[in-house]
Amino acid sequence: MKKFRCGDIIPGCDAVYTGDEASILAAAAVHATADHGLPEFPDELAARVRAAMSEVSD
């Protein structure tokens, strides 16, 4: 299982997601558009999210 903290790439954001990579990317895409006002979730942002993910134990 992985964890992504949005604050690692968007300072001040408290959103945290856990799960497999695909579910985190999907949730981050929704979060980016809904909460950060981005019109889309570009590949470069997805790459930054992947790089910021860390492994967590169940």
PDB file of N, CA and C in Angstrom:
ATOM      1  N   MET A   1       0.842  -1.167   0.000  1.00  0.00           N
ATOM      2  CA  MET A   1       0.000   0.000   0.000  1.00  0.00           C
ATOM      3  C   MET A   1       0.895   1.241   0.000  1.00  0.00           C
ATOM      4  N   LYS A   2       0.384   2.301  -0.630  1.00  0.00           N
ATOM      5  CA  LYS A   2       1.143   3.544  -0.727  1.00  0.00           C
ATOM      6  C   LYS A   2       0.361   4.673  -0.065  1.00  0.00           C
ATOM      7  N   LYS A   3       1.089   5.761   0.202  1.00  0.00           N
ATOM      8  CA  LYS A   3       0.485   6.956   0.776  1.00  0.00           C
ATOM      9  C   LYS A   3       0.989   8.161   0.010  1.00  0.00           C
ATOM     10  N   PHE A   4       0.085   9.107  -0.213  1.00  0.00           N
ATOM     11  CA  PHE A   4       0.443  10.376  -0.839  1.00  0.00           C
ATOM     12  C   PHE A   4      -0.114  11.507   0.005  1.00  0.00           C
ATOM     13  N   ARG A   5       0.750  12.449   0.343  1.00  0.00           N
ATOM     14  CA  ARG A   5       0.355  13.660   1.062  1.00  0.00           C
ATOM     15  C   ARG A   5       0.433  14.813   0.076  1.00  0.00           C
ATOM     16  N   CYS A   6      -0.702  15.416  -0.220  1.00  0.00           N
ATOM     17  CA  CYS A   6      -0.733  16.506  -1.196  1.00  0.00           C
ATOM     18  C   CYS A   6       0.184  17.655  -0.766  1.00  0.00           C
ATOM     19  N   GLY A   7       0.281  17.890   0.529  1.00  0.00           N
ATOM     20  CA  GLY A   7       1.137  18.950   1.035  1.00  0.00           C
ATOM     21  C   GLY A   7       2.600  18.796   0.657  1.00  0.00           C
ATOM     22  N   ASP A   8       2.993  17.588   0.246  1.00  0.00           N
ATOM     23  CA  ASP A   8       4.376  17.385  -0.192  1.00  0.00           C
ATOM     24  C   ASP A   8       4.659  18.095  -1.518  1.00  0.00           C
ATOM     25  N   ILE A   9       3.604  18.374  -2.294  1.00  0.00           N
ATOM     26  CA  ILE A   9       3.821  19.102  -3.542  1.00  0.00           C
ATOM     27  C   ILE A   9       3.020  20.415  -3.597  1.00  0.00           C
ATOM     28  N   ILE A  10       1.984  20.535  -2.780  1.00  0.00           N
ATOM     29  CA  ILE A  10       1.206  21.778  -2.692  1.00  0.00           C
ATOM     30  C   ILE A  10       1.251  22.227  -1.229  1.00  0.00           C
ATOM     31  N   PRO A  11       2.188  23.106  -0.889  1.00  0.00           N
ATOM     32  CA  PRO A  11       2.342  23.522   0.509  1.00  0.00           C
ATOM     33  C   PRO A  11       1.022  24.002   1.117  1.00  0.00           C
ATOM     34  N   GLY A  12       0.772  23.539   2.340  1.00  0.00           N
ATOM     35  CA  GLY A  12      -0.415  23.943   3.071  1.00  0.00           C
ATOM     36  C   GLY A  12      -1.617  23.040   2.894  1.00  0.00           C
ATOM     37  N   CYS A  13      -1.568  22.094   1.968  1.00  0.00           N
ATOM     38  CA  CYS A  13      -2.696  21.184   1.761  1.00  0.00           C
ATOM     39  C   CYS A  13      -2.573  20.006   2.717  1.00  0.00           C
ATOM     40  N   ASP A  14      -3.671  19.674   3.383  1.00  0.00           N
ATOM     41  CA  ASP A  14      -3.681  18.590   4.363  1.00  0.00           C
ATOM     42  C   ASP A  14      -4.223  17.266   3.831  1.00  0.00           C
ATOM     43  N   ALA A  15      -4.576  17.191   2.560  1.00  0.00           N
ATOM     44  CA  ALA A  15      -5.156  15.967   2.005  1.00  0.00           C
ATOM     45  C   ALA A  15      -4.125  14.843   1.989  1.00  0.00           C
ATOM     46  N   VAL A  16      -4.587  13.650   2.395  1.00  0.00           N
ATOM     47  CA  VAL A  16      -3.737  12.460   2.420  1.00  0.00           C
ATOM     48  C   VAL A  16      -4.538  11.308   1.823  1.00  0.00           C
ATOM     49  N   TYR A  17      -3.893  10.547   0.950  1.00  0.00           N
ATOM     50  CA  TYR A  17      -4.538   9.407   0.299  1.00  0.00           C
ATOM     51  C   TYR A  17      -3.692   8.162   0.494  1.00  0.00           C
ATOM     52  N   THR A  18      -4.345   7.040   0.725  1.00  0.00           N
ATOM     53  CA  THR A  18      -3.651   5.764   0.823  1.00  0.00           C
ATOM     54  C   THR A  18      -4.360   4.760  -0.082  1.00  0.00           C
ATOM     55  N   GLY A  19      -3.594   3.790  -0.569  1.00  0.00           N
ATOM     56  CA  GLY A  19      -4.142   2.756  -1.431  1.00  0.00           C
ATOM     57  C   GLY A  19      -3.111   2.347  -2.452  1.00  0.00           C
ATOM     58  N   ASP A  20      -3.583   1.743  -3.528  1.00  0.00           N
ATOM     59  CA  ASP A  20      -2.644   1.401  -4.596  1.00  0.00           C
ATOM     60  C   ASP A  20      -2.414   2.637  -5.467  1.00  0.00           C
ATOM     61  N   GLU A  21      -1.400   2.581  -6.309  1.00  0.00           N
ATOM     62  CA  GLU A  21      -1.018   3.742  -7.104  1.00  0.00           C
ATOM     63  C   GLU A  21      -2.167   4.272  -7.950  1.00  0.00           C
ATOM     64  N   ALA A  22      -2.899   3.386  -8.589  1.00  0.00           N
ATOM     65  CA  ALA A  22      -3.992   3.807  -9.474  1.00  0.00           C
ATOM     66  C   ALA A  22      -5.091   4.538  -8.706  1.00  0.00           C
ATOM     67  N   SER A  23      -5.454   4.034  -7.530  1.00  0.00           N
ATOM     68  CA  SER A  23      -6.519   4.691  -6.766  1.00  0.00           C
ATOM     69  C   SER A  23      -6.062   6.037  -6.221  1.00  0.00           C
ATOM     70  N   ILE A  24      -4.802   6.135  -5.842  1.00  0.00           N
ATOM     71  CA  ILE A  24      -4.275   7.419  -5.370  1.00  0.00           C
ATOM     72  C   ILE A  24      -4.252   8.429  -6.510  1.00  0.00           C
ATOM     73  N   LEU A  25      -3.800   8.019  -7.680  1.00  0.00           N
ATOM     74  CA  LEU A  25      -3.775   8.936  -8.822  1.00  0.00           C
ATOM     75  C   LEU A  25      -5.182   9.413  -9.189  1.00  0.00           C
ATOM     76  N   ALA A  26      -6.148   8.514  -9.135  1.00  0.00           N
ATOM     77  CA  ALA A  26      -7.526   8.895  -9.446  1.00  0.00           C
ATOM     78  C   ALA A  26      -8.050   9.896  -8.420  1.00  0.00           C
ATOM     79  N   ALA A  27      -7.800   9.633  -7.148  1.00  0.00           N
ATOM     80  CA  ALA A  27      -8.255  10.540  -6.099  1.00  0.00           C
ATOM     81  C   ALA A  27      -7.537  11.888  -6.179  1.00  0.00           C
ATOM     82  N   ALA A  28      -6.255  11.854  -6.473  1.00  0.00           N
ATOM     83  CA  ALA A  28      -5.480  13.090  -6.596  1.00  0.00           C
ATOM     84  C   ALA A  28      -5.976  13.930  -7.775  1.00  0.00           C
ATOM     85  N   ALA A  29      -6.373  13.290  -8.851  1.00  0.00           N
ATOM     86  CA  ALA A  29      -6.896  14.020 -10.007  1.00  0.00           C
ATOM     87  C   ALA A  29      -8.188  14.750  -9.645  1.00  0.00           C
ATOM     88  N   VAL A  30      -9.079  14.064  -8.951  1.00  0.00           N
ATOM     89  CA  VAL A  30     -10.330  14.684  -8.514  1.00  0.00           C
ATOM     90  C   VAL A  30     -10.027  15.822  -7.542  1.00  0.00           C
ATOM     91  N   HIS A  31      -9.147  15.573  -6.601  1.00  0.00           N
ATOM     92  CA  HIS A  31      -8.766  16.573  -5.608  1.00  0.00           C
ATOM     93  C   HIS A  31      -8.152  17.808  -6.265  1.00  0.00           C
ATOM     94  N   ALA A  32      -7.260  17.602  -7.225  1.00  0.00           N
ATOM     95  CA  ALA A  32      -6.588  18.724  -7.882  1.00  0.00           C
ATOM     96  C   ALA A  32      -7.582  19.632  -8.595  1.00  0.00           C
ATOM     97  N   THR A  33      -8.561  19.038  -9.256  1.00  0.00           N
ATOM     98  CA  THR A  33      -9.535  19.848  -9.978  1.00  0.00           C
ATOM     99  C   THR A  33     -10.571  20.464  -9.034  1.00  0.00           C
ATOM    100  N   ALA A  34     -11.035  19.707  -8.065  1.00  0.00           N
ATOM    101  CA  ALA A  34     -12.083  20.198  -7.164  1.00  0.00           C
ATOM    102  C   ALA A  34     -11.558  21.168  -6.113  1.00  0.00           C
ATOM    103  N   ASP A  35     -10.412  20.861  -5.518  1.00  0.00           N
ATOM    104  CA  ASP A  35      -9.936  21.652  -4.384  1.00  0.00           C
ATOM    105  C   ASP A  35      -8.839  22.655  -4.717  1.00  0.00           C
ATOM    106  N   HIS A  36      -8.114  22.417  -5.799  1.00  0.00           N
ATOM    107  CA  HIS A  36      -7.043  23.338  -6.168  1.00  0.00           C
ATOM    108  C   HIS A  36      -7.361  24.107  -7.453  1.00  0.00           C
ATOM    109  N   GLY A  37      -8.531  23.855  -8.033  1.00  0.00           N
ATOM    110  CA  GLY A  37      -8.993  24.615  -9.181  1.00  0.00           C
ATOM    111  C   GLY A  37      -8.259  24.366 -10.484  1.00  0.00           C
ATOM    112  N   LEU A  38      -7.557  23.254 -10.581  1.00  0.00           N
ATOM    113  CA  LEU A  38      -6.864  22.946 -11.834  1.00  0.00           C
ATOM    114  C   LEU A  38      -7.883  22.455 -12.862  1.00  0.00           C
ATOM    115  N   PRO A  39      -7.797  22.926 -14.100  1.00  0.00           N
ATOM    116  CA  PRO A  39      -8.755  22.507 -15.120  1.00  0.00           C
ATOM    117  C   PRO A  39      -8.551  21.065 -15.586  1.00  0.00           C
ATOM    118  N   GLU A  40      -7.343  20.531 -15.370  1.00  0.00           N
ATOM    119  CA  GLU A  40      -7.039  19.146 -15.756  1.00  0.00           C
ATOM    120  C   GLU A  40      -5.917  18.627 -14.862  1.00  0.00           C
ATOM    121  N   PHE A  41      -5.614  17.354 -15.004  1.00  0.00           N
ATOM    122  CA  PHE A  41      -4.565  16.696 -14.227  1.00  0.00           C
ATOM    123  C   PHE A  41      -3.491  16.245 -15.212  1.00  0.00           C
ATOM    124  N   PRO A  42      -2.533  17.140 -15.528  1.00  0.00           N
ATOM    125  CA  PRO A  42      -1.542  16.828 -16.564  1.00  0.00           C
ATOM    126  C   PRO A  42      -0.581  15.712 -16.148  1.00  0.00           C
ATOM    127  N   ASP A  43       0.040  15.113 -17.146  1.00  0.00           N
ATOM    128  CA  ASP A  43       0.986  14.023 -16.911  1.00  0.00           C
ATOM    129  C   ASP A  43       2.129  14.436 -15.985  1.00  0.00           C
ATOM    130  N   GLU A  44       2.593  15.677 -16.105  1.00  0.00           N
ATOM    131  CA  GLU A  44       3.700  16.120 -15.255  1.00  0.00           C
ATOM    132  C   GLU A  44       3.284  16.179 -13.785  1.00  0.00           C
ATOM    133  N   LEU A  45       2.034  16.511 -13.514  1.00  0.00           N
ATOM    134  CA  LEU A  45       1.554  16.512 -12.135  1.00  0.00           C
ATOM    135  C   LEU A  45       1.394  15.078 -11.632  1.00  0.00           C
ATOM    136  N   ALA A  46       0.899  14.197 -12.483  1.00  0.00           N
ATOM    137  CA  ALA A  46       0.783  12.782 -12.113  1.00  0.00           C
ATOM    138  C   ALA A  46       2.156  12.215 -11.773  1.00  0.00           C
ATOM    139  N   ALA A  47       3.175  12.605 -12.525  1.00  0.00           N
ATOM    140  CA  ALA A  47       4.536  12.137 -12.251  1.00  0.00           C
ATOM    141  C   ALA A  47       5.025  12.656 -10.901  1.00  0.00           C
ATOM    142  N   ARG A  48       4.690  13.897 -10.567  1.00  0.00           N
ATOM    143  CA  ARG A  48       5.082  14.448  -9.263  1.00  0.00           C
ATOM    144  C   ARG A  48       4.365  13.716  -8.132  1.00  0.00           C
ATOM    145  N   VAL A  49       3.097  13.373  -8.348  1.00  0.00           N
ATOM    146  CA  VAL A  49       2.342  12.616  -7.339  1.00  0.00           C
ATOM    147  C   VAL A  49       2.988  11.241  -7.147  1.00  0.00           C
ATOM    148  N   ARG A  50       3.287  10.552  -8.232  1.00  0.00           N
ATOM    149  CA  ARG A  50       3.939   9.236  -8.138  1.00  0.00           C
ATOM    150  C   ARG A  50       5.256   9.338  -7.364  1.00  0.00           C
ATOM    151  N   ALA A  51       6.049  10.349  -7.679  1.00  0.00           N
ATOM    152  CA  ALA A  51       7.356  10.511  -7.020  1.00  0.00           C
ATOM    153  C   ALA A  51       7.206  10.812  -5.526  1.00  0.00           C
ATOM    154  N   ALA A  52       6.107  11.431  -5.142  1.00  0.00           N
ATOM    155  CA  ALA A  52       5.891  11.787  -3.741  1.00  0.00           C
ATOM    156  C   ALA A  52       5.243  10.665  -2.930  1.00  0.00           C
ATOM    157  N   MET A  53       4.796   9.599  -3.590  1.00  0.00           N
ATOM    158  CA  MET A  53       4.179   8.479  -2.875  1.00  0.00           C
ATOM    159  C   MET A  53       5.243   7.736  -2.063  1.00  0.00           C
ATOM    160  N   SER A  54       4.802   7.248  -0.921  1.00  0.00           N
ATOM    161  CA  SER A  54       5.705   6.428  -0.101  1.00  0.00           C
ATOM    162  C   SER A  54       5.004   5.117   0.231  1.00  0.00           C
ATOM    163  N   GLU A  55       5.789   4.096   0.487  1.00  0.00           N
ATOM    164  CA  GLU A  55       5.252   2.797   0.877  1.00  0.00           C
ATOM    165  C   GLU A  55       4.843   2.858   2.349  1.00  0.00           C
ATOM    166  N   VAL A  56       3.717   2.263   2.665  1.00  0.00           N
ATOM    167  CA  VAL A  56       3.277   2.154   4.051  1.00  0.00           C
ATOM    168  C   VAL A  56       2.881   0.713   4.315  1.00  0.00           C
ATOM    169  N   SER A  57       3.016   0.303   5.546  1.00  0.00           N
ATOM    170  CA  SER A  57       2.592  -1.054   5.897  1.00  0.00           C
ATOM    171  C   SER A  57       1.103  -1.044   6.209  1.00  0.00           C
ATOM    172  N   ASP A  58       0.467  -2.165   5.980  1.00  0.00           N
ATOM    173  CA  ASP A  58      -0.981  -2.282   6.233  1.00  0.00           C
ATOM    174  C   ASP A  58      -1.211  -2.144   7.664  1.00  0.00           C
TER     175      ASP A  58
END
